[in-house]
Protein backbone atom coordinates (compact mmCIF):
# COMPACT_ATOMS: atom_id res chain seq x y z
CA MET A 1 2.48 15.03 -20.70
CA MET A 2 1.45 14.52 -17.36
CA LYS A 3 1.82 9.96 -16.97
CA LYS A 4 0.46 9.01 -13.81
CA THR A 5 1.91 5.49 -13.73
CA VAL A 6 3.76 6.11 -9.76
CA THR A 7 2.37 7.13 -6.20
CA THR A 8 4.40 8.94 -5.08
CA ASN A 9 5.14 12.10 -2.65
CA VAL A 10 6.95 13.38 -5.99
CA THR A 11 4.23 12.84 -7.86
CA ARG A 12 1.47 13.49 -5.40
CA LEU A 13 2.68 17.56 -4.86
CA LEU A 14 3.45 17.55 -8.21
CA ALA A 15 -0.36 16.81 -9.70
CA ALA A 16 -1.64 19.02 -6.37
CA LYS A 17 0.43 22.28 -7.84
CA LYS A 18 -1.24 21.12 -11.53
CA ILE A 19 2.59 20.66 -13.00
CA ASP A 20 2.67 18.83 -16.23
CA PHE A 21 5.59 15.72 -15.36
CA THR A 22 7.03 12.69 -16.50
CA VAL A 23 6.83 9.52 -14.44
CA HIS A 24 10.03 7.63 -15.85
CA ASP A 25 10.63 4.12 -14.40
CA TYR A 26 13.81 2.37 -14.80
CA VAL A 27 13.16 -0.14 -12.17
CA ASP A 28 14.20 -3.45 -14.53
CA SER A 29 17.34 -2.00 -16.08
CA GLY A 30 19.85 -2.84 -13.23
CA ALA A 31 20.49 1.16 -13.14
CA VAL A 32 21.60 2.30 -10.12
CA ALA A 33 24.32 5.34 -10.80
CA GLY A 34 23.35 8.04 -11.92
CA GLN A 35 25.35 7.65 -15.15
CA ASP A 36 23.30 4.62 -16.00
CA VAL A 37 19.89 6.04 -15.39
CA ALA A 38 21.04 8.45 -17.40
CA ALA A 39 22.08 6.35 -19.99
CA ALA A 40 18.27 3.47 -19.42
CA LEU A 41 16.69 6.74 -19.31
CA GLY A 42 18.25 7.21 -23.13
CA GLU A 43 18.91 11.06 -21.68
CA ASN A 44 21.99 12.88 -22.24
CA PRO A 45 23.27 12.75 -18.02
CA ASP A 46 23.54 16.63 -18.79
CA ASP A 47 19.75 16.44 -18.15
CA VAL A 48 19.54 13.69 -14.94
CA PHE A 49 20.88 15.62 -11.40
CA LYS A 50 21.12 13.96 -8.10
CA THR A 51 20.53 15.10 -4.51
CA LEU A 52 22.49 15.19 -1.92
CA VAL A 53 22.28 16.31 1.12
CA THR A 54 24.48 17.49 3.30
CA VAL A 55 25.04 19.00 6.53
CA GLY A 56 27.28 22.69 7.48
CA LYS A 57 29.53 22.99 10.44
CA SER A 58 26.72 24.38 11.94
CA GLY A 59 24.52 21.46 11.91
CA GLY A 60 22.23 22.56 9.12
CA HIS A 61 21.26 20.59 6.65
CA TYR A 62 21.51 21.42 2.60
CA VAL A 63 20.05 19.98 -0.58
CA PHE A 64 21.97 20.12 -3.82
CA VAL A 65 20.79 19.12 -6.71
CA VAL A 66 23.45 18.63 -9.86
CA PRO A 67 24.39 16.51 -12.90
CA VAL A 68 24.76 13.03 -12.54
CA ALA A 69 28.33 12.99 -14.45
CA LYS A 70 28.91 16.05 -12.57
CA GLU A 71 30.62 16.25 -8.61
CA LEU A 72 29.77 18.28 -5.76
CA ASP A 73 32.79 21.01 -4.92
CA LEU A 74 32.31 20.45 -1.27
CA LYS A 75 34.19 24.88 -1.00
CA LYS A 76 31.42 25.83 -3.55
CA ALA A 77 28.69 23.86 -1.47
CA ALA A 78 29.92 25.26 1.46
CA ARG A 79 30.51 29.05 0.57
CA ALA A 80 26.69 28.74 -1.51
CA VAL A 81 24.81 27.58 1.58
CA GLY A 82 26.91 30.47 3.99
CA GLU A 83 29.37 27.15 6.05
CA LYS A 84 32.40 27.10 5.76
CA HIS A 85 32.64 23.20 5.08
CA VAL A 86 29.78 20.98 4.69
CA GLU A 87 30.63 17.41 3.66
CA MET A 88 27.58 14.58 3.25
CA ILE A 89 24.95 13.32 5.42
CA LYS A 90 26.23 9.33 6.35
CA SER A 91 23.20 6.59 4.37
CA ARG A 92 21.40 5.84 7.88
CA ASP A 93 20.43 9.50 8.74
CA LEU A 94 19.22 9.97 5.03
CA LEU A 95 15.63 8.83 5.50
CA PRO A 96 15.08 10.63 8.95
CA LEU A 97 16.05 13.38 8.22
CA THR A 98 14.09 13.33 4.74
CA GLY A 99 11.75 10.21 4.80
CA TYR A 100 13.43 8.86 1.67
CA VAL A 101 16.35 6.70 1.18
CA HIS A 102 19.36 6.99 -0.77
CA GLY A 103 19.68 6.30 -4.64
CA GLY A 104 15.56 8.42 -4.03
CA CYS A 105 15.89 10.86 -2.98
CA SER A 106 13.98 14.33 -4.83
CA PRO A 107 14.28 17.28 -3.61
CA ILE A 108 10.77 17.19 -3.79
CA GLY A 109 8.54 15.96 -0.74
CA MET A 110 10.78 16.18 1.69
CA LYS A 111 10.05 15.73 5.44
CA LYS A 112 11.28 19.08 5.64
CA GLU A 113 12.04 21.91 3.79
CA LEU A 114 16.04 22.47 3.52
CA PRO A 115 17.49 24.82 2.01
CA THR A 116 18.33 23.63 -1.35
CA VAL A 117 20.06 24.65 -4.76
CA ILE A 118 20.02 24.09 -7.92
CA ASP A 119 23.51 23.85 -9.93
CA ALA A 120 23.20 26.62 -12.12
CA SER A 121 23.54 24.54 -15.47
CA ALA A 122 20.61 23.56 -15.39
CA ALA A 123 19.39 26.88 -15.70
CA ASP A 124 19.51 26.89 -19.03
CA ARG A 125 17.69 23.57 -19.62
CA GLU A 126 14.26 23.34 -20.58
CA ARG A 127 13.76 20.31 -18.33
CA ILE A 128 15.92 18.18 -16.16
CA PHE A 129 15.51 14.68 -14.79
CA PHE A 130 15.56 13.77 -10.63
CA SER A 131 14.70 11.31 -8.34
CA GLY A 132 11.25 10.71 -8.50
CA GLY A 133 11.00 9.82 -4.78
CA LYS A 134 11.53 5.98 -4.90
CA ILE A 135 14.34 3.83 -6.60
CA GLY A 136 13.51 3.15 -10.25
CA CYS A 137 11.15 6.35 -11.06
CA GLN A 138 12.62 9.76 -11.97
CA VAL A 139 10.47 12.22 -12.94
CA GLU A 140 10.87 14.59 -15.78
CA LEU A 141 9.78 18.49 -15.74
CA ARG A 142 10.48 22.11 -16.78
CA VAL A 143 12.76 23.89 -15.31
CA CYS A 144 10.74 26.81 -15.46
CA ASP A 145 7.95 24.27 -13.22
CA LEU A 146 10.60 24.02 -9.95
CA PRO A 147 10.15 27.50 -8.55
CA ALA A 148 5.49 26.04 -8.15
CA VAL A 149 6.92 23.36 -6.00
CA LEU A 150 10.17 24.25 -4.81
CA ASN A 151 11.86 26.75 -3.00
CA PHE A 152 15.42 27.56 -4.56
CA ARG A 153 18.20 29.12 -6.31
CA PHE A 154 20.46 29.11 -9.19
CA GLU A 155 24.23 28.76 -7.82
CA TYR A 156 27.22 26.85 -9.73
CA VAL A 157 28.07 24.15 -7.12
CA THR A 158 30.08 21.75 -9.08
CA ASP A 159 33.94 20.60 -10.23
């Protein structure tokens, strides 16, 4: 299943852990929004996830991985990480914090490990897709392989 056409922090880490993954390149499709990416891949939007980075009232940062067709429920998200409230970080703060640009942010391979919550809808999936670490690149891997490369927990955090 491993297809190495693109090398990013994400693909390097997955390969180093000997995790089977597939890289999907959709750069020429014009897809930017999550649902457009799912369509460009020919995949169910419930299998394609986006990575959202937030900041809590305490100043702590948190990562949420949610299906592209859903919205992060900020109240559920705050409860999931023990904050009074969380809000999306500003786009300009994303690169210095994570090492990724908006539209290419992945939960794997960030500059610093941040508390990560994956929407519990992923727990029922055999495989999911998420950013491969750059715009126009998605990786596909089995959900059961995620714990080998990412410290996270499942919780329902969408509307």
